[in-house]
Amino acid sequence: MEASSVPDGLMVRGVASDADFNAMSAVQAACREEDGYDTARSGDQFRDGLGGSPGVVHEEQFRLALVAGEVVGYAYGMADGEDEDEGRVLWHDGLVIPAWRGRGIGRRLLAEAQVAARLHGDRRFGAAPSRVRLRAMIPETAGAARRLLEHDGYAVVRYGFSMVRPTLADPPSDALPAGLEARPATRETAMQILRSADDAFRDHWGFADLTDEDRVAWIEHPVMGQLDAWQVAWDGDEVAGGVLGFINEAENEQLRRKRGYTEVIFTRRAWRGRGLATALIGRNLRLLAERGMTEAALSVDAENPSGALALYRKVGFEVRKTTLILERPA
């Protein structure tokens, strides 16, 4: 548990320049081994990816902790969506360089991130509904973060897995079920594809409808919006399913690997049980191999209702890390 006193000269402020986003990337790198993270964001990705989300004000949503002018930690908070049944979810993340832990900096940043998330929610959706929850997602190995959150009243509500396919050799068949065809995603069809993904995920835990503003931000996202990497199956004018994969080149360079992502795997209800997801995963893996990747990764809810975990194991993915999702009422 962190001490109640904070270092002399501690200053917390919003980001003011690209240098601040680069400092956030450096903090993340400094925490990777201690906390067990296997992902990375460049400064540009903090700024243009997360910072490009609808309604984000950089100075408000991103908070830096500095001691004697050195950035020693960061935090950010945003509204993750709003749903009639689930209410509003405010999510946040943050890190403190290990050498500076145990001095109250994490506690201060957590409070700043909570305020930032509330401000973003009010800006995007108006007055808060009766149910509002704060949510954080951390690796199971991030013990310091878990202790900090639980001390503030958070509890684990869900588990997820990070899975890796260590080779792209021998992918599953990419033959689509009869009557379906694959077509390249385009700017003109991307919005329909994302609406179809929402429809498929409606019965999953934590679902909240995206707004069209969210979908535009996704399409324009420098990593997630790689339309030429999306694999989408059509039945006439209807989207049957998809795998909205991508390659994070900056992350690969930083971590010295060749990983592609097999993410946002969905099949709409009318087309389930016919092997469509397996075929689309096969297409994704082949594309990643063609682009020089040597492995693939994805994330999955441990209690996914459609049997996704068993499917992913069947097509060669292995569980590498467990993720904790913690919540408390806002």
C-alpha atoms as a PDB file:
ATOM      1  CA  MET A   1       0.000   0.000   0.000  1.00  0.00           C
ATOM      2  CA  GLU A   2       1.321   3.427  -0.834  1.00  0.00           C
ATOM      3  CA  ALA A   3       2.335   5.877   1.837  1.00  0.00           C
ATOM      4  CA  SER A   4       0.041   8.805   2.516  1.00  0.00           C
ATOM      5  CA  SER A   5       2.801  11.416   2.050  1.00  0.00           C
ATOM      6  CA  VAL A   6       3.966  12.468  -1.405  1.00  0.00           C
ATOM      7  CA  PRO A   7       7.445  13.564  -2.481  1.00  0.00           C
ATOM      8  CA  ASP A   8       8.407  17.188  -2.044  1.00  0.00           C
ATOM      9  CA  GLY A   9       8.010  19.022  -5.321  1.00  0.00           C
ATOM     10  CA  LEU A  10       5.488  16.611  -6.811  1.00  0.00           C
ATOM     11  CA  MET A  11       3.502  18.315  -9.568  1.00  0.00           C
ATOM     12  CA  VAL A  12       0.552  16.838 -11.461  1.00  0.00           C
ATOM     13  CA  ARG A  13      -0.533  18.487 -14.698  1.00  0.00           C
ATOM     14  CA  GLY A  14      -2.076  17.751 -18.053  1.00  0.00           C
ATOM     15  CA  VAL A  15      -0.074  16.988 -21.177  1.00  0.00           C
ATOM     16  CA  ALA A  16       1.186  20.068 -22.969  1.00  0.00           C
ATOM     17  CA  SER A  17       3.234  18.801 -25.909  1.00  0.00           C
ATOM     18  CA  ASP A  18       4.335  15.796 -27.941  1.00  0.00           C
ATOM     19  CA  ALA A  19       7.254  15.479 -25.524  1.00  0.00           C
ATOM     20  CA  ASP A  20       4.761  14.664 -22.778  1.00  0.00           C
ATOM     21  CA  PHE A  21       3.230  11.835 -24.810  1.00  0.00           C
ATOM     22  CA  ASN A  22       6.743  10.510 -25.466  1.00  0.00           C
ATOM     23  CA  ALA A  23       7.366  10.630 -21.715  1.00  0.00           C
ATOM     24  CA  MET A  24       4.246   8.499 -21.161  1.00  0.00           C
ATOM     25  CA  SER A  25       5.658   5.928 -23.577  1.00  0.00           C
ATOM     26  CA  ALA A  26       8.948   5.946 -21.647  1.00  0.00           C
ATOM     27  CA  VAL A  27       7.133   5.381 -18.333  1.00  0.00           C
ATOM     28  CA  GLN A  28       5.273   2.442 -19.850  1.00  0.00           C
ATOM     29  CA  ALA A  29       8.568   0.941 -21.039  1.00  0.00           C
ATOM     30  CA  ALA A  30      10.096   1.380 -17.570  1.00  0.00           C
ATOM     31  CA  CYS A  31       7.197  -0.561 -15.996  1.00  0.00           C
ATOM     32  CA  ARG A  32       6.964  -3.397 -18.521  1.00  0.00           C
ATOM     33  CA  GLU A  33       9.195  -5.968 -16.842  1.00  0.00           C
ATOM     34  CA  GLU A  34       8.003  -5.216 -13.297  1.00  0.00           C
ATOM     35  CA  ASP A  35       4.306  -5.439 -14.134  1.00  0.00           C
ATOM     36  CA  GLY A  36       4.318  -8.060 -16.885  1.00  0.00           C
ATOM     37  CA  TYR A  37       2.976  -5.988 -19.772  1.00  0.00           C
ATOM     38  CA  ASP A  38       3.639  -7.388 -23.253  1.00  0.00           C
ATOM     39  CA  THR A  39       2.284  -4.455 -25.260  1.00  0.00           C
ATOM     40  CA  ALA A  40       3.608  -0.975 -25.990  1.00  0.00           C
ATOM     41  CA  ARG A  41       2.410   2.420 -27.210  1.00  0.00           C
ATOM     42  CA  SER A  42       4.543   5.058 -28.832  1.00  0.00           C
ATOM     43  CA  GLY A  43       4.039   8.694 -27.938  1.00  0.00           C
ATOM     44  CA  ASP A  44       2.228   9.190 -31.243  1.00  0.00           C
ATOM     45  CA  GLN A  45      -0.145   6.352 -30.377  1.00  0.00           C
ATOM     46  CA  PHE A  46      -0.978   7.874 -27.015  1.00  0.00           C
ATOM     47  CA  ARG A  47      -1.656  11.188 -28.769  1.00  0.00           C
ATOM     48  CA  ASP A  48      -3.385  10.071 -31.975  1.00  0.00           C
ATOM     49  CA  GLY A  49      -4.927   6.788 -30.794  1.00  0.00           C
ATOM     50  CA  LEU A  50      -6.245   7.288 -27.286  1.00  0.00           C
ATOM     51  CA  GLY A  51      -6.040  11.057 -27.596  1.00  0.00           C
ATOM     52  CA  GLY A  52      -8.054  10.968 -30.813  1.00  0.00           C
ATOM     53  CA  SER A  53     -11.112   9.466 -29.137  1.00  0.00           C
ATOM     54  CA  PRO A  54     -14.320  11.536 -29.351  1.00  0.00           C
ATOM     55  CA  GLY A  55     -14.602  14.314 -26.814  1.00  0.00           C
ATOM     56  CA  VAL A  56     -11.070  13.942 -25.430  1.00  0.00           C
ATOM     57  CA  VAL A  57      -9.336  17.083 -24.197  1.00  0.00           C
ATOM     58  CA  HIS A  58      -5.658  16.193 -23.860  1.00  0.00           C
ATOM     59  CA  GLU A  59      -4.945  18.507 -20.939  1.00  0.00           C
ATOM     60  CA  GLU A  60      -7.930  17.066 -19.028  1.00  0.00           C
ATOM     61  CA  GLN A  61      -7.837  13.366 -19.875  1.00  0.00           C
ATOM     62  CA  PHE A  62      -4.064  12.774 -19.666  1.00  0.00           C
ATOM     63  CA  ARG A  63      -2.356  13.577 -16.360  1.00  0.00           C
ATOM     64  CA  LEU A  64       1.373  13.513 -15.666  1.00  0.00           C
ATOM     65  CA  ALA A  65       3.190  13.252 -12.331  1.00  0.00           C
ATOM     66  CA  LEU A  66       6.535  15.079 -12.243  1.00  0.00           C
ATOM     67  CA  VAL A  67       9.184  15.279  -9.538  1.00  0.00           C
ATOM     68  CA  ALA A  68      11.891  17.895 -10.067  1.00  0.00           C
ATOM     69  CA  GLY A  69      10.772  18.168 -13.688  1.00  0.00           C
ATOM     70  CA  GLU A  70      11.058  14.412 -14.376  1.00  0.00           C
ATOM     71  CA  VAL A  71       7.934  12.547 -15.500  1.00  0.00           C
ATOM     72  CA  VAL A  72       7.616   9.622 -13.074  1.00  0.00           C
ATOM     73  CA  GLY A  73       4.069   8.507 -13.829  1.00  0.00           C
ATOM     74  CA  TYR A  74       0.931   9.121 -15.812  1.00  0.00           C
ATOM     75  CA  ALA A  75      -2.771   8.359 -15.761  1.00  0.00           C
ATOM     76  CA  TYR A  76      -5.743   8.924 -18.005  1.00  0.00           C
ATOM     77  CA  GLY A  77      -9.492   8.460 -17.759  1.00  0.00           C
ATOM     78  CA  MET A  78     -12.317   8.355 -20.295  1.00  0.00           C
ATOM     79  CA  ALA A  79     -15.941   7.311 -20.632  1.00  0.00           C
ATOM     80  CA  ASP A  80     -16.147   3.865 -22.213  1.00  0.00           C
ATOM     81  CA  GLY A  81     -19.780   4.175 -23.228  1.00  0.00           C
ATOM     82  CA  GLU A  82     -23.304   4.297 -21.916  1.00  0.00           C
ATOM     83  CA  ASP A  83     -26.034   1.687 -22.052  1.00  0.00           C
ATOM     84  CA  GLU A  84     -29.657   1.683 -20.899  1.00  0.00           C
ATOM     85  CA  ASP A  85     -29.153  -1.465 -18.813  1.00  0.00           C
ATOM     86  CA  GLU A  86     -25.479  -1.214 -17.847  1.00  0.00           C
ATOM     87  CA  GLY A  87     -25.322   2.519 -17.175  1.00  0.00           C
ATOM     88  CA  ARG A  88     -22.139   4.513 -17.767  1.00  0.00           C
ATOM     89  CA  VAL A  89     -18.672   2.970 -17.603  1.00  0.00           C
ATOM     90  CA  LEU A  90     -15.687   5.191 -16.846  1.00  0.00           C
ATOM     91  CA  TRP A  91     -12.373   3.495 -17.500  1.00  0.00           C
ATOM     92  CA  HIS A  92      -8.883   4.563 -16.605  1.00  0.00           C
ATOM     93  CA  ASP A  93      -5.273   3.444 -16.662  1.00  0.00           C
ATOM     94  CA  GLY A  94      -1.969   4.649 -15.321  1.00  0.00           C
ATOM     95  CA  LEU A  95       1.564   3.704 -14.297  1.00  0.00           C
ATOM     96  CA  VAL A  96       4.269   4.920 -11.927  1.00  0.00           C
ATOM     97  CA  ILE A  97       7.935   4.082 -12.550  1.00  0.00           C
ATOM     98  CA  PRO A  98       8.836   1.295 -10.061  1.00  0.00           C
ATOM     99  CA  ALA A  99      11.586   3.321  -8.334  1.00  0.00           C
ATOM    100  CA  TRP A 100       8.993   5.980  -7.444  1.00  0.00           C
ATOM    101  CA  ARG A 101       6.322   3.659  -6.059  1.00  0.00           C
ATOM    102  CA  GLY A 102       5.258   3.554  -2.424  1.00  0.00           C
ATOM    103  CA  ARG A 103       5.243   7.341  -2.065  1.00  0.00           C
ATOM    104  CA  GLY A 104       1.607   8.227  -2.715  1.00  0.00           C
ATOM    105  CA  ILE A 105       2.070   9.131  -6.384  1.00  0.00           C
ATOM    106  CA  GLY A 106      -0.139   6.296  -7.659  1.00  0.00           C
ATOM    107  CA  ARG A 107      -2.928   7.253  -5.272  1.00  0.00           C
ATOM    108  CA  ARG A 108      -2.799  10.856  -6.474  1.00  0.00           C
ATOM    109  CA  LEU A 109      -2.844   9.781 -10.123  1.00  0.00           C
ATOM    110  CA  LEU A 110      -5.733   7.391  -9.521  1.00  0.00           C
ATOM    111  CA  ALA A 111      -7.821  10.255  -8.127  1.00  0.00           C
ATOM    112  CA  GLU A 112      -6.845  12.438 -11.100  1.00  0.00           C
ATOM    113  CA  ALA A 113      -7.839   9.691 -13.567  1.00  0.00           C
ATOM    114  CA  GLN A 114     -11.212   9.240 -11.893  1.00  0.00           C
ATOM    115  CA  VAL A 115     -11.943  12.951 -12.214  1.00  0.00           C
ATOM    116  CA  ALA A 116     -10.766  12.932 -15.839  1.00  0.00           C
ATOM    117  CA  ALA A 117     -13.078  10.026 -16.674  1.00  0.00           C
ATOM    118  CA  ARG A 118     -16.072  11.750 -15.063  1.00  0.00           C
ATOM    119  CA  LEU A 119     -15.388  14.963 -16.978  1.00  0.00           C
ATOM    120  CA  HIS A 120     -15.169  13.075 -20.254  1.00  0.00           C
ATOM    121  CA  GLY A 121     -18.412  11.220 -19.526  1.00  0.00           C
ATOM    122  CA  ASP A 122     -20.267  14.428 -18.751  1.00  0.00           C
ATOM    123  CA  ARG A 123     -18.897  16.091 -21.880  1.00  0.00           C
ATOM    124  CA  ARG A 124     -19.849  13.200 -24.148  1.00  0.00           C
ATOM    125  CA  PHE A 125     -23.138  12.010 -22.680  1.00  0.00           C
ATOM    126  CA  GLY A 126     -24.460  14.755 -20.442  1.00  0.00           C
ATOM    127  CA  ALA A 127     -25.653  14.337 -16.868  1.00  0.00           C
ATOM    128  CA  ALA A 128     -24.626  11.015 -15.350  1.00  0.00           C
ATOM    129  CA  PRO A 129     -27.278   8.257 -15.086  1.00  0.00           C
ATOM    130  CA  SER A 130     -28.121   6.560 -11.793  1.00  0.00           C
ATOM    131  CA  ARG A 131     -25.564   3.808 -12.385  1.00  0.00           C
ATOM    132  CA  VAL A 132     -21.964   4.825 -13.043  1.00  0.00           C
ATOM    133  CA  ARG A 133     -18.954   2.528 -12.603  1.00  0.00           C
ATOM    134  CA  LEU A 134     -15.225   3.088 -12.595  1.00  0.00           C
ATOM    135  CA  ARG A 135     -13.302   0.310 -14.369  1.00  0.00           C
ATOM    136  CA  ALA A 136      -9.629  -0.603 -14.719  1.00  0.00           C
ATOM    137  CA  MET A 137      -7.941  -3.459 -16.559  1.00  0.00           C
ATOM    138  CA  ILE A 138      -4.526  -4.712 -15.423  1.00  0.00           C
ATOM    139  CA  PRO A 139      -2.312  -7.777 -15.888  1.00  0.00           C
ATOM    140  CA  GLU A 140      -2.662 -10.355 -13.121  1.00  0.00           C
ATOM    141  CA  THR A 141       1.060  -9.834 -12.507  1.00  0.00           C
ATOM    142  CA  ALA A 142       0.656  -6.106 -11.701  1.00  0.00           C
ATOM    143  CA  GLY A 143       0.466  -6.591  -7.951  1.00  0.00           C
ATOM    144  CA  ALA A 144       1.106  -2.973  -6.967  1.00  0.00           C
ATOM    145  CA  ALA A 145      -1.729  -1.719  -9.194  1.00  0.00           C
ATOM    146  CA  ARG A 146      -4.115  -4.323  -7.807  1.00  0.00           C
ATOM    147  CA  ARG A 147      -3.317  -3.369  -4.206  1.00  0.00           C
ATOM    148  CA  LEU A 148      -3.820   0.317  -4.999  1.00  0.00           C
ATOM    149  CA  LEU A 149      -7.192  -0.293  -6.657  1.00  0.00           C
ATOM    150  CA  GLU A 150      -8.484  -2.654  -3.980  1.00  0.00           C
ATOM    151  CA  HIS A 151      -7.497  -0.160  -1.285  1.00  0.00           C
ATOM    152  CA  ASP A 152      -9.744   2.338  -3.106  1.00  0.00           C
ATOM    153  CA  GLY A 153     -12.712  -0.054  -3.065  1.00  0.00           C
ATOM    154  CA  TYR A 154     -12.335  -1.815  -6.415  1.00  0.00           C
ATOM    155  CA  ALA A 155     -13.005  -5.528  -6.766  1.00  0.00           C
ATOM    156  CA  VAL A 156     -12.253  -8.017  -9.527  1.00  0.00           C
ATOM    157  CA  VAL A 157     -15.405  -8.554 -11.594  1.00  0.00           C
ATOM    158  CA  ARG A 158     -14.061 -10.363 -14.649  1.00  0.00           C
ATOM    159  CA  TYR A 159     -11.052 -12.169 -16.065  1.00  0.00           C
ATOM    160  CA  GLY A 160      -9.647 -12.121 -19.566  1.00  0.00           C
ATOM    161  CA  PHE A 161      -6.855 -13.891 -21.371  1.00  0.00           C
ATOM    162  CA  SER A 162      -4.143 -12.656 -23.721  1.00  0.00           C
ATOM    163  CA  MET A 163      -3.483 -15.416 -26.245  1.00  0.00           C
ATOM    164  CA  VAL A 164      -0.642 -15.866 -28.723  1.00  0.00           C
ATOM    165  CA  ARG A 165      -0.239 -18.122 -31.742  1.00  0.00           C
ATOM    166  CA  PRO A 166       3.559 -18.523 -31.752  1.00  0.00           C
ATOM    167  CA  THR A 167       3.704 -19.491 -35.414  1.00  0.00           C
ATOM    168  CA  LEU A 168       1.730 -18.575 -38.497  1.00  0.00           C
ATOM    169  CA  ALA A 169       2.448 -21.923 -40.139  1.00  0.00           C
ATOM    170  CA  ASP A 170      -0.445 -24.334 -40.767  1.00  0.00           C
ATOM    171  CA  PRO A 171      -3.336 -21.882 -40.372  1.00  0.00           C
ATOM    172  CA  PRO A 172      -6.888 -23.260 -40.426  1.00  0.00           C
ATOM    173  CA  SER A 173      -8.777 -23.465 -43.710  1.00  0.00           C
ATOM    174  CA  ASP A 174      -9.877 -20.119 -45.102  1.00  0.00           C
ATOM    175  CA  ALA A 175     -12.786 -21.608 -47.100  1.00  0.00           C
ATOM    176  CA  LEU A 176     -15.973 -19.680 -46.306  1.00  0.00           C
ATOM    177  CA  PRO A 177     -19.292 -21.449 -45.774  1.00  0.00           C
ATOM    178  CA  ALA A 178     -21.434 -21.860 -48.903  1.00  0.00           C
ATOM    179  CA  GLY A 179     -23.213 -18.705 -50.006  1.00  0.00           C
ATOM    180  CA  LEU A 180     -20.771 -16.285 -48.333  1.00  0.00           C
ATOM    181  CA  GLU A 181     -18.037 -14.244 -49.955  1.00  0.00           C
ATOM    182  CA  ALA A 182     -15.138 -12.128 -48.739  1.00  0.00           C
ATOM    183  CA  ARG A 183     -14.889  -8.517 -49.884  1.00  0.00           C
ATOM    184  CA  PRO A 184     -12.279  -5.886 -49.010  1.00  0.00           C
ATOM    185  CA  ALA A 185     -13.362  -3.360 -46.398  1.00  0.00           C
ATOM    186  CA  THR A 186     -13.631   0.185 -47.731  1.00  0.00           C
ATOM    187  CA  ARG A 187     -14.367   3.597 -46.289  1.00  0.00           C
ATOM    188  CA  GLU A 188     -17.878   3.207 -47.727  1.00  0.00           C
ATOM    189  CA  THR A 189     -18.549  -0.141 -46.013  1.00  0.00           C
ATOM    190  CA  ALA A 190     -16.560   0.293 -42.782  1.00  0.00           C
ATOM    191  CA  MET A 191     -19.440   1.894 -40.877  1.00  0.00           C
ATOM    192  CA  GLN A 192     -21.787  -0.998 -41.754  1.00  0.00           C
ATOM    193  CA  ILE A 193     -19.102  -3.490 -40.708  1.00  0.00           C
ATOM    194  CA  LEU A 194     -18.699  -1.848 -37.294  1.00  0.00           C
ATOM    195  CA  ARG A 195     -22.454  -1.698 -36.750  1.00  0.00           C
ATOM    196  CA  SER A 196     -22.592  -5.414 -37.568  1.00  0.00           C
ATOM    197  CA  ALA A 197     -19.834  -6.110 -35.043  1.00  0.00           C
ATOM    198  CA  ASP A 198     -21.885  -4.260 -32.422  1.00  0.00           C
ATOM    199  CA  ASP A 199     -24.866  -6.442 -33.278  1.00  0.00           C
ATOM    200  CA  ALA A 200     -22.774  -9.594 -32.812  1.00  0.00           C
ATOM    201  CA  PHE A 201     -21.363  -8.459 -29.464  1.00  0.00           C
ATOM    202  CA  ARG A 202     -24.693  -7.388 -28.000  1.00  0.00           C
ATOM    203  CA  ASP A 203     -24.938 -10.457 -25.749  1.00  0.00           C
ATOM    204  CA  HIS A 204     -21.353 -10.178 -24.463  1.00  0.00           C
ATOM    205  CA  TRP A 205     -20.377  -8.928 -21.017  1.00  0.00           C
ATOM    206  CA  GLY A 206     -19.719  -5.218 -20.789  1.00  0.00           C
ATOM    207  CA  PHE A 207     -21.292  -4.395 -24.151  1.00  0.00           C
ATOM    208  CA  ALA A 208     -22.183  -0.775 -24.781  1.00  0.00           C
ATOM    209  CA  ASP A 209     -23.323   0.557 -28.147  1.00  0.00           C
ATOM    210  CA  LEU A 210     -20.812   2.631 -30.045  1.00  0.00           C
ATOM    211  CA  THR A 211     -22.002   5.949 -31.382  1.00  0.00           C
ATOM    212  CA  ASP A 212     -21.359   6.856 -35.007  1.00  0.00           C
ATOM    213  CA  GLU A 213     -18.782   9.316 -33.653  1.00  0.00           C
ATOM    214  CA  ASP A 214     -17.007   6.375 -32.000  1.00  0.00           C
ATOM    215  CA  ARG A 215     -17.122   4.409 -35.246  1.00  0.00           C
ATOM    216  CA  VAL A 216     -15.623   7.256 -37.252  1.00  0.00           C
ATOM    217  CA  ALA A 217     -12.812   7.504 -34.685  1.00  0.00           C
ATOM    218  CA  TRP A 218     -12.221   3.751 -35.045  1.00  0.00           C
ATOM    219  CA  ILE A 219     -12.043   3.970 -38.839  1.00  0.00           C
ATOM    220  CA  GLU A 220      -9.596   6.868 -38.581  1.00  0.00           C
ATOM    221  CA  HIS A 221      -7.526   5.263 -35.805  1.00  0.00           C
ATOM    222  CA  PRO A 222      -3.894   4.895 -36.931  1.00  0.00           C
ATOM    223  CA  VAL A 223      -3.704   1.247 -35.780  1.00  0.00           C
ATOM    224  CA  MET A 224      -7.229  -0.152 -35.405  1.00  0.00           C
ATOM    225  CA  GLY A 225      -8.402   1.413 -38.667  1.00  0.00           C
ATOM    226  CA  GLN A 226      -6.235  -0.700 -40.995  1.00  0.00           C
ATOM    227  CA  LEU A 227      -9.107  -1.518 -43.338  1.00  0.00           C
ATOM    228  CA  ASP A 228      -6.879  -3.416 -45.748  1.00  0.00           C
ATOM    229  CA  ALA A 229      -6.179  -5.927 -42.949  1.00  0.00           C
ATOM    230  CA  TRP A 230      -9.848  -6.547 -42.092  1.00  0.00           C
ATOM    231  CA  GLN A 231     -11.361  -9.875 -43.133  1.00  0.00           C
ATOM    232  CA  VAL A 232     -15.113  -9.575 -43.706  1.00  0.00           C
ATOM    233  CA  ALA A 233     -17.639 -12.143 -44.966  1.00  0.00           C
ATOM    234  CA  TRP A 234     -20.795 -11.008 -46.729  1.00  0.00           C
ATOM    235  CA  ASP A 235     -24.098 -12.712 -47.475  1.00  0.00           C
ATOM    236  CA  GLY A 236     -25.445 -10.496 -50.231  1.00  0.00           C
ATOM    237  CA  ASP A 237     -25.699  -7.034 -48.708  1.00  0.00           C
ATOM    238  CA  GLU A 238     -25.464  -8.314 -45.117  1.00  0.00           C
ATOM    239  CA  VAL A 239     -22.249  -8.598 -43.086  1.00  0.00           C
ATOM    240  CA  ALA A 240     -22.108 -12.155 -41.697  1.00  0.00           C
ATOM    241  CA  GLY A 241     -18.898 -11.833 -39.691  1.00  0.00           C
ATOM    242  CA  GLY A 242     -15.424 -10.411 -39.555  1.00  0.00           C
ATOM    243  CA  VAL A 243     -11.952 -10.306 -38.051  1.00  0.00           C
ATOM    244  CA  LEU A 244     -10.781  -6.698 -37.784  1.00  0.00           C
ATOM    245  CA  GLY A 245      -7.071  -7.420 -37.498  1.00  0.00           C
ATOM    246  CA  PHE A 246      -4.130  -5.036 -37.542  1.00  0.00           C
ATOM    247  CA  ILE A 247      -0.358  -4.740 -37.201  1.00  0.00           C
ATOM    248  CA  ASN A 248       1.172  -2.339 -34.685  1.00  0.00           C
ATOM    249  CA  GLU A 249       4.476  -1.521 -36.353  1.00  0.00           C
ATOM    250  CA  ALA A 250       5.629   0.874 -33.620  1.00  0.00           C
ATOM    251  CA  GLU A 251       5.005  -1.741 -30.952  1.00  0.00           C
ATOM    252  CA  ASN A 252       6.846  -4.397 -32.945  1.00  0.00           C
ATOM    253  CA  GLU A 253       9.839  -2.116 -33.351  1.00  0.00           C
ATOM    254  CA  GLN A 254       9.930  -1.286 -29.644  1.00  0.00           C
ATOM    255  CA  LEU A 255       9.539  -4.905 -28.510  1.00  0.00           C
ATOM    256  CA  ARG A 256      11.655  -6.394 -31.322  1.00  0.00           C
ATOM    257  CA  ARG A 257       9.084  -8.838 -32.622  1.00  0.00           C
ATOM    258  CA  LYS A 258       6.876  -9.468 -35.629  1.00  0.00           C
ATOM    259  CA  ARG A 259       3.370  -9.755 -34.158  1.00  0.00           C
ATOM    260  CA  GLY A 260       0.050  -9.173 -35.869  1.00  0.00           C
ATOM    261  CA  TYR A 261      -3.329  -9.060 -34.175  1.00  0.00           C
ATOM    262  CA  THR A 262      -6.342 -11.315 -34.760  1.00  0.00           C
ATOM    263  CA  GLU A 263      -8.814  -9.079 -32.961  1.00  0.00           C
ATOM    264  CA  VAL A 264     -12.506  -8.143 -33.011  1.00  0.00           C
ATOM    265  CA  ILE A 265     -13.582 -11.611 -34.124  1.00  0.00           C
ATOM    266  CA  PHE A 266     -17.340 -11.692 -34.615  1.00  0.00           C
ATOM    267  CA  THR A 267     -20.077 -13.778 -36.225  1.00  0.00           C
ATOM    268  CA  ARG A 268     -23.644 -12.536 -36.292  1.00  0.00           C
ATOM    269  CA  ARG A 269     -26.294 -14.864 -34.889  1.00  0.00           C
ATOM    270  CA  ALA A 270     -27.844 -16.011 -38.159  1.00  0.00           C
ATOM    271  CA  TRP A 271     -24.465 -17.280 -39.411  1.00  0.00           C
ATOM    272  CA  ARG A 272     -23.112 -18.975 -36.285  1.00  0.00           C
ATOM    273  CA  GLY A 273     -22.241 -22.654 -36.077  1.00  0.00           C
ATOM    274  CA  ARG A 274     -21.055 -22.942 -39.691  1.00  0.00           C
ATOM    275  CA  GLY A 275     -17.297 -22.500 -39.274  1.00  0.00           C
ATOM    276  CA  LEU A 276     -17.254 -18.879 -40.382  1.00  0.00           C
ATOM    277  CA  ALA A 277     -15.050 -17.580 -37.546  1.00  0.00           C
ATOM    278  CA  THR A 278     -12.484 -20.317 -38.201  1.00  0.00           C
ATOM    279  CA  ALA A 279     -12.306 -19.404 -41.889  1.00  0.00           C
ATOM    280  CA  LEU A 280     -11.924 -15.698 -41.166  1.00  0.00           C
ATOM    281  CA  ILE A 281      -9.179 -16.390 -38.621  1.00  0.00           C
ATOM    282  CA  GLY A 282      -7.449 -18.482 -41.293  1.00  0.00           C
ATOM    283  CA  ARG A 283      -7.622 -15.553 -43.699  1.00  0.00           C
ATOM    284  CA  ASN A 284      -6.266 -13.186 -41.066  1.00  0.00           C
ATOM    285  CA  LEU A 285      -3.309 -15.447 -40.241  1.00  0.00           C
ATOM    286  CA  ARG A 286      -2.407 -15.829 -43.909  1.00  0.00           C
ATOM    287  CA  LEU A 287      -2.480 -12.070 -44.426  1.00  0.00           C
ATOM    288  CA  LEU A 288      -0.271 -11.491 -41.375  1.00  0.00           C
ATOM    289  CA  ALA A 289       2.242 -14.026 -42.704  1.00  0.00           C
ATOM    290  CA  GLU A 290       2.221 -12.361 -46.127  1.00  0.00           C
ATOM    291  CA  ARG A 291       3.101  -9.071 -44.425  1.00  0.00           C
ATOM    292  CA  GLY A 292       6.121 -10.554 -42.693  1.00  0.00           C
ATOM    293  CA  MET A 293       4.676 -11.345 -39.274  1.00  0.00           C
ATOM    294  CA  THR A 294       5.762 -14.460 -37.373  1.00  0.00           C
ATOM    295  CA  GLU A 295       3.106 -14.634 -34.645  1.00  0.00           C
ATOM    296  CA  ALA A 296      -0.443 -13.499 -33.885  1.00  0.00           C
ATOM    297  CA  ALA A 297      -2.181 -12.397 -30.707  1.00  0.00           C
ATOM    298  CA  LEU A 298      -5.698 -11.767 -29.452  1.00  0.00           C
ATOM    299  CA  SER A 299      -7.591 -11.109 -26.228  1.00  0.00           C
ATOM    300  CA  VAL A 300     -10.701 -12.902 -25.010  1.00  0.00           C
ATOM    301  CA  ASP A 301     -13.160 -12.713 -22.140  1.00  0.00           C
ATOM    302  CA  ALA A 302     -12.613 -15.787 -19.962  1.00  0.00           C
ATOM    303  CA  GLU A 303     -16.388 -16.313 -19.799  1.00  0.00           C
ATOM    304  CA  ASN A 304     -17.193 -15.508 -23.434  1.00  0.00           C
ATOM    305  CA  PRO A 305     -20.704 -16.927 -24.042  1.00  0.00           C
ATOM    306  CA  SER A 306     -20.024 -18.108 -27.603  1.00  0.00           C
ATOM    307  CA  GLY A 307     -17.263 -20.588 -26.739  1.00  0.00           C
ATOM    308  CA  ALA A 308     -14.527 -18.366 -28.169  1.00  0.00           C
ATOM    309  CA  LEU A 309     -11.770 -19.601 -25.862  1.00  0.00           C
ATOM    310  CA  ALA A 310     -12.162 -23.203 -27.038  1.00  0.00           C
ATOM    311  CA  LEU A 311     -12.215 -22.074 -30.674  1.00  0.00           C
ATOM    312  CA  TYR A 312      -9.050 -20.019 -30.319  1.00  0.00           C
ATOM    313  CA  ARG A 313      -7.227 -22.912 -28.679  1.00  0.00           C
ATOM    314  CA  LYS A 314      -8.395 -25.199 -31.486  1.00  0.00           C
ATOM    315  CA  VAL A 315      -6.863 -22.930 -34.143  1.00  0.00           C
ATOM    316  CA  GLY A 316      -3.508 -22.711 -32.374  1.00  0.00           C
ATOM    317  CA  PHE A 317      -3.640 -19.855 -29.868  1.00  0.00           C
ATOM    318  CA  GLU A 318      -2.188 -20.355 -26.381  1.00  0.00           C
ATOM    319  CA  VAL A 319      -3.039 -18.483 -23.182  1.00  0.00           C
ATOM    320  CA  ARG A 320      -0.036 -16.375 -22.183  1.00  0.00           C
ATOM    321  CA  LYS A 321      -1.382 -13.890 -19.645  1.00  0.00           C
ATOM    322  CA  THR A 322      -4.426 -13.365 -17.459  1.00  0.00           C
ATOM    323  CA  THR A 323      -6.010  -9.924 -17.250  1.00  0.00           C
ATOM    324  CA  LEU A 324      -8.063  -8.636 -14.333  1.00  0.00           C
ATOM    325  CA  ILE A 325     -10.982  -6.235 -14.732  1.00  0.00           C
ATOM    326  CA  LEU A 326     -11.742  -4.345 -11.537  1.00  0.00           C
ATOM    327  CA  GLU A 327     -14.673  -2.034 -10.824  1.00  0.00           C
ATOM    328  CA  ARG A 328     -16.276   0.075  -8.164  1.00  0.00           C
ATOM    329  CA  PRO A 329     -19.248   2.439  -8.142  1.00  0.00           C
ATOM    330  CA  ALA A 330     -18.251   5.958  -9.200  1.00  0.00           C
END
